[in-house]
Each structure stands twice: as structure tokens, then as C-alpha cells.
Amino acid sequence: MAAERAALEKKIDANMAIDSNFIPFDKMSPKLDPVGQGQLLRLLPQLKASKAIAIRGHCYRGDVGNAKAAAQARAIEVKDFLVGTGVLESKISIRFDTERKTHGVQLIFK
């Protein structure tokens, strides 16, 4: 169990080092995985203290047939996770992007 936790933490560290505000998703999935949850939990103090949070779901339309729906589902998945951890829903807005060749969710907060 400790080895699994260490491997998970290593993946979270790697994602945070690349871009702490970008939560990668599997190309074909709208579901937040444990690595993404870990990233969000690390950002939680900043997110709770922020005045506004924009969640931009990304799904490249060249890779996925219904990219708009997938991008929106990813953004909603992250929003629901954050609200479930105590972030005020009233300060969260959702957007989506199907043009960039990426799959995930970008958080923009201040």
C-alpha cells in the first residue's frame, strides 16, 4: 500500500511540475482519476482563497467525436469535485475548448 501511495504521489509531483493548474485526463475519459484528484487537493487552499475560478475543459475535436460534450463533462467533473471539498460553487465558472490538441482541465483563479 505504501508503494502504491508513493507511486501516486510521484505522478502528482510530475504533473504539478509540468503545469500545476492543468489536470490531464485520458483522451477518451471524462472522469477525474486519483492523480487529478491529488493535484486538486494540493491546490485546494489556493482555490478556496480565490475570488473566482474558471474551469476550462479541453478535448481536442480531432481525437474525439463529441469533443464539446467531453470537454464540458471534464469541467463539470472538476467543478463537482471542488464543490464536494468545500469550494463555493458561486465563484466557479465553466468554459470549454475543442481547438487545442490537449485533453484535460485548465484552472484559472485569482
Foldseek 3Di string as FASTA:
>chain_A
DVVVVVVLVVLLVVVVVVPLQWQADDQPDLARDPSSLVSCVVCLVVQQPFQAKEKEFEHACVRDPPGVVSSQSNSVNVLVSNVVVPRDSVRYDYHYDHHDHGGTIGMDTD
